[in-house]
């Protein structure tokens, strides 16, 4: 079972090339390990496109890329950046691919809402 943890990546450097509008929450907490150079980061855009380490990737390449990153020393934890307008079906499909790669610890990165909701 995938452990889903909602965290915020405060202080992270912005990803290059493609932006997503992360979900907003008032209960987000910092997740500094997401900023590590070898952290496994997967981004899901509004249209369902997948980015692995900020590079667009085909769905059938994701599990293998994650396994390779783990074999090269990355922590067995995935940091998922999901556009707040992405479809649930796309998110579910991609979390299944992450699961197939042997990663059960998935952290959803979100933005902290400032002020009133």
N, C-alpha and C. Protein backbone atom coordinates (compact mmCIF):
# COMPACT_ATOMS: atom_id res chain seq x y z
N UNK A 1 0.85 -1.18 0.00
CA UNK A 1 0.00 0.00 0.00
C UNK A 1 0.89 1.24 0.00
N UNK A 2 0.52 2.18 -0.76
CA UNK A 2 1.30 3.41 -0.86
C UNK A 2 0.98 4.30 0.33
N UNK A 3 2.03 4.73 1.01
CA UNK A 3 1.86 5.67 2.12
C UNK A 3 1.81 7.07 1.53
N UNK A 4 0.68 7.72 1.68
CA UNK A 4 0.51 9.06 1.12
C UNK A 4 0.65 10.09 2.22
N UNK A 5 1.58 10.97 2.04
CA UNK A 5 1.84 12.01 3.02
C UNK A 5 1.76 13.35 2.32
N UNK A 6 1.01 14.26 2.88
CA UNK A 6 0.90 15.59 2.29
C UNK A 6 1.90 16.51 2.98
N UNK A 7 2.81 17.02 2.20
CA UNK A 7 3.86 17.89 2.71
C UNK A 7 4.00 19.10 1.79
N UNK A 8 4.76 20.06 2.24
CA UNK A 8 5.08 21.22 1.41
C UNK A 8 6.58 21.24 1.19
N UNK A 9 6.97 21.72 0.07
CA UNK A 9 8.39 21.79 -0.25
C UNK A 9 8.84 23.24 -0.18
N UNK A 10 8.80 23.82 1.00
CA UNK A 10 9.24 25.20 1.17
C UNK A 10 10.73 25.27 0.92
N UNK A 11 11.15 26.31 0.27
CA UNK A 11 12.56 26.51 0.04
C UNK A 11 13.12 25.72 -1.13
N UNK A 12 12.28 24.98 -1.82
CA UNK A 12 12.77 24.24 -2.97
C UNK A 12 13.04 25.20 -4.11
N UNK A 13 14.01 24.85 -4.92
CA UNK A 13 14.23 25.65 -6.11
C UNK A 13 13.15 25.29 -7.11
N UNK A 14 12.62 26.25 -7.83
CA UNK A 14 11.56 25.94 -8.78
C UNK A 14 12.08 25.03 -9.89
N UNK A 15 11.22 24.14 -10.34
CA UNK A 15 11.62 23.26 -11.44
C UNK A 15 11.72 24.06 -12.71
N UNK A 16 12.57 23.63 -13.58
CA UNK A 16 12.81 24.35 -14.82
C UNK A 16 11.90 23.81 -15.93
N UNK A 17 11.43 24.71 -16.76
CA UNK A 17 10.75 24.28 -17.97
C UNK A 17 9.25 24.18 -17.90
N UNK A 18 8.69 23.55 -16.90
CA UNK A 18 7.26 23.31 -16.86
C UNK A 18 6.76 23.58 -15.45
N UNK A 19 5.64 24.26 -15.34
CA UNK A 19 5.11 24.60 -14.02
C UNK A 19 3.78 23.90 -13.78
N UNK A 20 3.54 23.57 -12.54
CA UNK A 20 2.24 23.05 -12.13
C UNK A 20 1.73 23.93 -11.00
N UNK A 21 0.42 24.05 -10.92
CA UNK A 21 -0.21 24.76 -9.81
C UNK A 21 -0.53 23.72 -8.75
N UNK A 22 0.30 23.68 -7.71
CA UNK A 22 0.11 22.70 -6.65
C UNK A 22 -1.14 23.01 -5.85
N UNK A 23 -1.71 21.97 -5.25
CA UNK A 23 -2.87 22.14 -4.37
C UNK A 23 -2.46 23.00 -3.19
N UNK A 24 -3.43 23.75 -2.65
CA UNK A 24 -3.19 24.63 -1.50
C UNK A 24 -3.83 24.02 -0.26
N UNK A 25 -3.13 24.12 0.86
CA UNK A 25 -3.67 23.64 2.13
C UNK A 25 -3.10 24.47 3.27
N UNK A 26 -3.85 24.59 4.33
CA UNK A 26 -3.36 25.36 5.48
C UNK A 26 -2.54 24.49 6.43
N UNK A 27 -2.54 23.18 6.24
CA UNK A 27 -1.85 22.26 7.15
C UNK A 27 -0.55 21.71 6.58
N UNK A 28 -0.05 22.29 5.53
CA UNK A 28 1.19 21.81 4.91
C UNK A 28 2.38 22.05 5.84
N UNK A 29 3.35 21.15 5.77
CA UNK A 29 4.59 21.31 6.54
C UNK A 29 5.78 21.18 5.59
N UNK A 30 6.91 21.78 5.96
CA UNK A 30 8.09 21.72 5.08
C UNK A 30 8.59 20.29 4.87
N UNK A 31 9.10 20.03 3.70
CA UNK A 31 9.69 18.73 3.36
C UNK A 31 11.03 19.01 2.67
N UNK A 32 12.06 19.39 3.43
CA UNK A 32 13.34 19.78 2.82
C UNK A 32 14.03 18.67 2.04
N UNK A 33 13.78 17.39 2.39
CA UNK A 33 14.46 16.32 1.64
C UNK A 33 14.01 16.24 0.19
N UNK A 34 12.88 16.86 -0.14
CA UNK A 34 12.43 16.87 -1.53
C UNK A 34 13.34 17.70 -2.42
N UNK A 35 14.14 18.56 -1.81
CA UNK A 35 15.04 19.42 -2.58
C UNK A 35 16.41 18.78 -2.84
N UNK A 36 16.63 17.59 -2.28
CA UNK A 36 17.91 16.91 -2.52
C UNK A 36 18.08 16.64 -4.01
N UNK A 37 19.32 16.68 -4.45
CA UNK A 37 19.61 16.49 -5.87
C UNK A 37 19.16 15.12 -6.38
N UNK A 38 19.28 14.09 -5.54
CA UNK A 38 18.91 12.74 -6.00
C UNK A 38 17.52 12.31 -5.54
N UNK A 39 16.71 13.24 -5.03
CA UNK A 39 15.34 12.90 -4.64
C UNK A 39 14.55 12.51 -5.89
N UNK A 40 13.74 11.47 -5.76
CA UNK A 40 12.91 11.01 -6.88
C UNK A 40 11.68 11.91 -6.95
N UNK A 41 11.62 12.74 -7.97
CA UNK A 41 10.48 13.64 -8.13
C UNK A 41 9.74 13.33 -9.43
N UNK A 42 8.44 13.20 -9.30
CA UNK A 42 7.57 12.98 -10.45
C UNK A 42 6.54 14.10 -10.44
N UNK A 43 6.34 14.70 -11.59
CA UNK A 43 5.38 15.79 -11.72
C UNK A 43 4.29 15.37 -12.70
N UNK A 44 3.04 15.67 -12.34
CA UNK A 44 1.90 15.38 -13.20
C UNK A 44 1.28 16.72 -13.58
N UNK A 45 1.25 17.01 -14.87
CA UNK A 45 0.70 18.28 -15.32
C UNK A 45 -0.82 18.20 -15.44
N UNK A 46 -1.41 19.33 -15.70
CA UNK A 46 -2.87 19.42 -15.84
C UNK A 46 -3.39 18.47 -16.91
N UNK A 47 -2.64 18.32 -18.01
CA UNK A 47 -3.09 17.46 -19.10
C UNK A 47 -2.67 16.00 -18.94
N UNK A 48 -2.08 15.65 -17.79
CA UNK A 48 -1.69 14.27 -17.52
C UNK A 48 -0.28 13.91 -17.97
N UNK A 49 0.47 14.88 -18.49
CA UNK A 49 1.86 14.62 -18.87
C UNK A 49 2.67 14.30 -17.62
N UNK A 50 3.67 13.45 -17.79
CA UNK A 50 4.52 13.01 -16.68
C UNK A 50 5.92 13.57 -16.87
N UNK A 51 6.48 14.08 -15.77
CA UNK A 51 7.85 14.58 -15.78
C UNK A 51 8.61 13.86 -14.67
N UNK A 52 9.76 13.32 -15.01
CA UNK A 52 10.63 12.66 -14.04
C UNK A 52 11.91 13.47 -13.95
N UNK A 53 12.22 13.99 -12.78
CA UNK A 53 13.36 14.90 -12.61
C UNK A 53 13.30 16.04 -13.63
N UNK A 54 12.12 16.61 -13.79
CA UNK A 54 11.87 17.78 -14.65
C UNK A 54 11.96 17.51 -16.14
N UNK A 55 12.08 16.27 -16.55
CA UNK A 55 12.12 15.92 -17.97
C UNK A 55 10.87 15.13 -18.32
N UNK A 56 10.22 15.50 -19.41
CA UNK A 56 9.01 14.79 -19.84
C UNK A 56 9.38 13.34 -20.16
N UNK A 57 8.53 12.42 -19.72
CA UNK A 57 8.81 11.00 -19.88
C UNK A 57 7.53 10.28 -20.28
N UNK A 58 7.66 9.21 -21.04
CA UNK A 58 6.50 8.40 -21.42
C UNK A 58 6.09 7.54 -20.22
N UNK A 59 4.80 7.28 -20.06
CA UNK A 59 4.35 6.48 -18.92
C UNK A 59 5.05 5.12 -18.82
N UNK A 60 5.30 4.47 -19.96
CA UNK A 60 5.93 3.15 -19.91
C UNK A 60 7.40 3.19 -19.51
N UNK A 61 7.98 4.37 -19.39
CA UNK A 61 9.38 4.51 -18.97
C UNK A 61 9.51 4.87 -17.49
N UNK A 62 8.40 5.24 -16.84
CA UNK A 62 8.47 5.76 -15.48
C UNK A 62 8.98 4.74 -14.47
N UNK A 63 8.38 3.55 -14.42
CA UNK A 63 8.79 2.55 -13.43
C UNK A 63 10.26 2.20 -13.55
N UNK A 64 10.73 2.01 -14.78
CA UNK A 64 12.14 1.68 -15.00
C UNK A 64 13.06 2.81 -14.57
N UNK A 65 12.66 4.04 -14.84
CA UNK A 65 13.47 5.20 -14.45
C UNK A 65 13.57 5.31 -12.93
N UNK A 66 12.47 5.03 -12.25
CA UNK A 66 12.47 5.07 -10.78
C UNK A 66 13.37 3.96 -10.23
N UNK A 67 13.22 2.74 -10.76
CA UNK A 67 14.07 1.63 -10.30
C UNK A 67 15.55 1.95 -10.50
N UNK A 68 15.88 2.56 -11.63
CA UNK A 68 17.27 2.92 -11.92
C UNK A 68 17.77 3.95 -10.90
N UNK A 69 16.94 4.95 -10.60
CA UNK A 69 17.34 5.98 -9.63
C UNK A 69 17.61 5.37 -8.26
N UNK A 70 16.76 4.42 -7.85
CA UNK A 70 16.96 3.75 -6.56
C UNK A 70 18.25 2.94 -6.58
N UNK A 71 18.51 2.25 -7.68
CA UNK A 71 19.74 1.45 -7.77
C UNK A 71 20.99 2.33 -7.76
N UNK A 72 20.84 3.60 -8.12
CA UNK A 72 21.97 4.54 -8.11
C UNK A 72 22.07 5.31 -6.80
N UNK A 73 21.25 4.92 -5.80
CA UNK A 73 21.39 5.50 -4.47
C UNK A 73 20.29 6.43 -4.00
N UNK A 74 19.27 6.67 -4.80
CA UNK A 74 18.17 7.53 -4.35
C UNK A 74 17.36 6.83 -3.27
N UNK A 75 16.81 7.62 -2.37
CA UNK A 75 15.94 7.10 -1.32
C UNK A 75 14.70 6.47 -1.96
N UNK A 76 14.20 5.39 -1.34
CA UNK A 76 12.99 4.72 -1.87
C UNK A 76 11.76 5.51 -1.44
N UNK A 77 11.68 6.72 -1.93
CA UNK A 77 10.57 7.61 -1.62
C UNK A 77 10.35 8.52 -2.82
N UNK A 78 9.10 8.69 -3.18
CA UNK A 78 8.77 9.52 -4.34
C UNK A 78 8.12 10.81 -3.86
N UNK A 79 8.56 11.92 -4.43
CA UNK A 79 7.95 13.22 -4.16
C UNK A 79 7.11 13.57 -5.38
N UNK A 80 5.82 13.66 -5.20
CA UNK A 80 4.88 13.84 -6.30
C UNK A 80 4.36 15.27 -6.32
N UNK A 81 4.57 15.95 -7.44
CA UNK A 81 4.05 17.30 -7.66
C UNK A 81 2.90 17.17 -8.65
N UNK A 82 1.70 17.41 -8.17
CA UNK A 82 0.51 17.22 -9.00
C UNK A 82 -0.18 18.55 -9.21
N UNK A 83 -0.46 18.88 -10.47
CA UNK A 83 -1.23 20.08 -10.75
C UNK A 83 -2.61 19.92 -10.12
N UNK A 84 -3.07 20.97 -9.46
CA UNK A 84 -4.35 20.89 -8.75
C UNK A 84 -5.53 20.63 -9.68
N UNK A 85 -5.35 20.82 -10.98
CA UNK A 85 -6.43 20.57 -11.94
C UNK A 85 -6.27 19.24 -12.67
N UNK A 86 -5.27 18.44 -12.28
CA UNK A 86 -5.06 17.14 -12.92
C UNK A 86 -6.24 16.21 -12.60
N UNK A 87 -6.50 15.28 -13.50
CA UNK A 87 -7.61 14.34 -13.32
C UNK A 87 -7.20 13.22 -12.37
N UNK A 88 -8.15 12.81 -11.54
CA UNK A 88 -7.89 11.73 -10.59
C UNK A 88 -7.41 10.48 -11.31
N UNK A 89 -8.00 10.15 -12.46
CA UNK A 89 -7.61 8.94 -13.19
C UNK A 89 -6.12 8.98 -13.58
N UNK A 90 -5.63 10.16 -13.97
CA UNK A 90 -4.20 10.29 -14.31
C UNK A 90 -3.33 10.09 -13.08
N UNK A 91 -3.74 10.67 -11.97
CA UNK A 91 -2.97 10.55 -10.73
C UNK A 91 -2.94 9.09 -10.28
N UNK A 92 -4.08 8.43 -10.31
CA UNK A 92 -4.17 7.02 -9.90
C UNK A 92 -3.28 6.16 -10.79
N UNK A 93 -3.32 6.37 -12.09
CA UNK A 93 -2.50 5.60 -13.04
C UNK A 93 -1.02 5.77 -12.71
N UNK A 94 -0.60 6.99 -12.45
CA UNK A 94 0.82 7.26 -12.20
C UNK A 94 1.24 6.72 -10.83
N UNK A 95 0.38 6.81 -9.82
CA UNK A 95 0.75 6.22 -8.52
C UNK A 95 0.83 4.70 -8.63
N UNK A 96 0.04 4.09 -9.50
CA UNK A 96 0.16 2.65 -9.75
C UNK A 96 1.52 2.33 -10.39
N UNK A 97 1.98 3.18 -11.32
CA UNK A 97 3.29 2.97 -11.94
C UNK A 97 4.41 3.11 -10.91
N UNK A 98 4.26 4.06 -9.99
CA UNK A 98 5.24 4.24 -8.92
C UNK A 98 5.26 3.00 -8.04
N UNK A 99 4.09 2.47 -7.73
CA UNK A 99 3.97 1.25 -6.93
C UNK A 99 4.66 0.07 -7.64
N UNK A 100 4.49 -0.03 -8.95
CA UNK A 100 5.13 -1.10 -9.72
C UNK A 100 6.66 -1.01 -9.66
N UNK A 101 7.17 0.18 -9.43
CA UNK A 101 8.62 0.38 -9.32
C UNK A 101 9.13 -0.01 -7.93
N UNK A 102 8.23 -0.37 -7.03
CA UNK A 102 8.64 -0.78 -5.70
C UNK A 102 8.70 0.36 -4.69
N UNK A 103 8.09 1.49 -5.02
CA UNK A 103 8.07 2.64 -4.12
C UNK A 103 6.70 2.69 -3.45
N UNK A 104 6.69 2.58 -2.13
CA UNK A 104 5.43 2.62 -1.40
C UNK A 104 5.32 3.86 -0.53
N UNK A 105 6.36 4.65 -0.48
CA UNK A 105 6.35 5.87 0.31
C UNK A 105 6.28 7.05 -0.67
N UNK A 106 5.11 7.64 -0.79
CA UNK A 106 4.88 8.73 -1.74
C UNK A 106 4.45 9.97 -0.95
N UNK A 107 5.13 11.08 -1.21
CA UNK A 107 4.81 12.34 -0.57
C UNK A 107 4.24 13.29 -1.61
N UNK A 108 3.02 13.75 -1.40
CA UNK A 108 2.42 14.74 -2.29
C UNK A 108 2.88 16.12 -1.82
N UNK A 109 3.53 16.86 -2.69
CA UNK A 109 3.99 18.20 -2.36
C UNK A 109 2.87 19.20 -2.65
N UNK A 110 2.63 20.09 -1.70
CA UNK A 110 1.56 21.08 -1.82
C UNK A 110 2.09 22.45 -1.42
N UNK A 111 1.31 23.47 -1.64
CA UNK A 111 1.66 24.84 -1.24
C UNK A 111 0.89 25.18 0.03
N UNK A 112 1.52 25.95 0.89
CA UNK A 112 0.84 26.39 2.11
C UNK A 112 -0.02 27.61 1.80
N UNK A 113 -1.28 27.52 2.16
CA UNK A 113 -2.21 28.64 1.97
C UNK A 113 -1.89 29.69 3.03
N UNK A 114 -1.75 30.92 2.59
CA UNK A 114 -1.45 32.01 3.50
C UNK A 114 -2.70 32.87 3.63
N UNK A 115 -3.07 33.19 4.85
CA UNK A 115 -4.25 34.01 5.07
C UNK A 115 -5.51 33.17 5.18
N UNK A 116 -6.64 33.81 4.97
CA UNK A 116 -7.93 33.13 5.08
C UNK A 116 -8.18 32.25 3.87
N UNK A 117 -8.87 31.10 4.09
CA UNK A 117 -9.17 30.19 2.96
C UNK A 117 -10.14 30.76 1.97
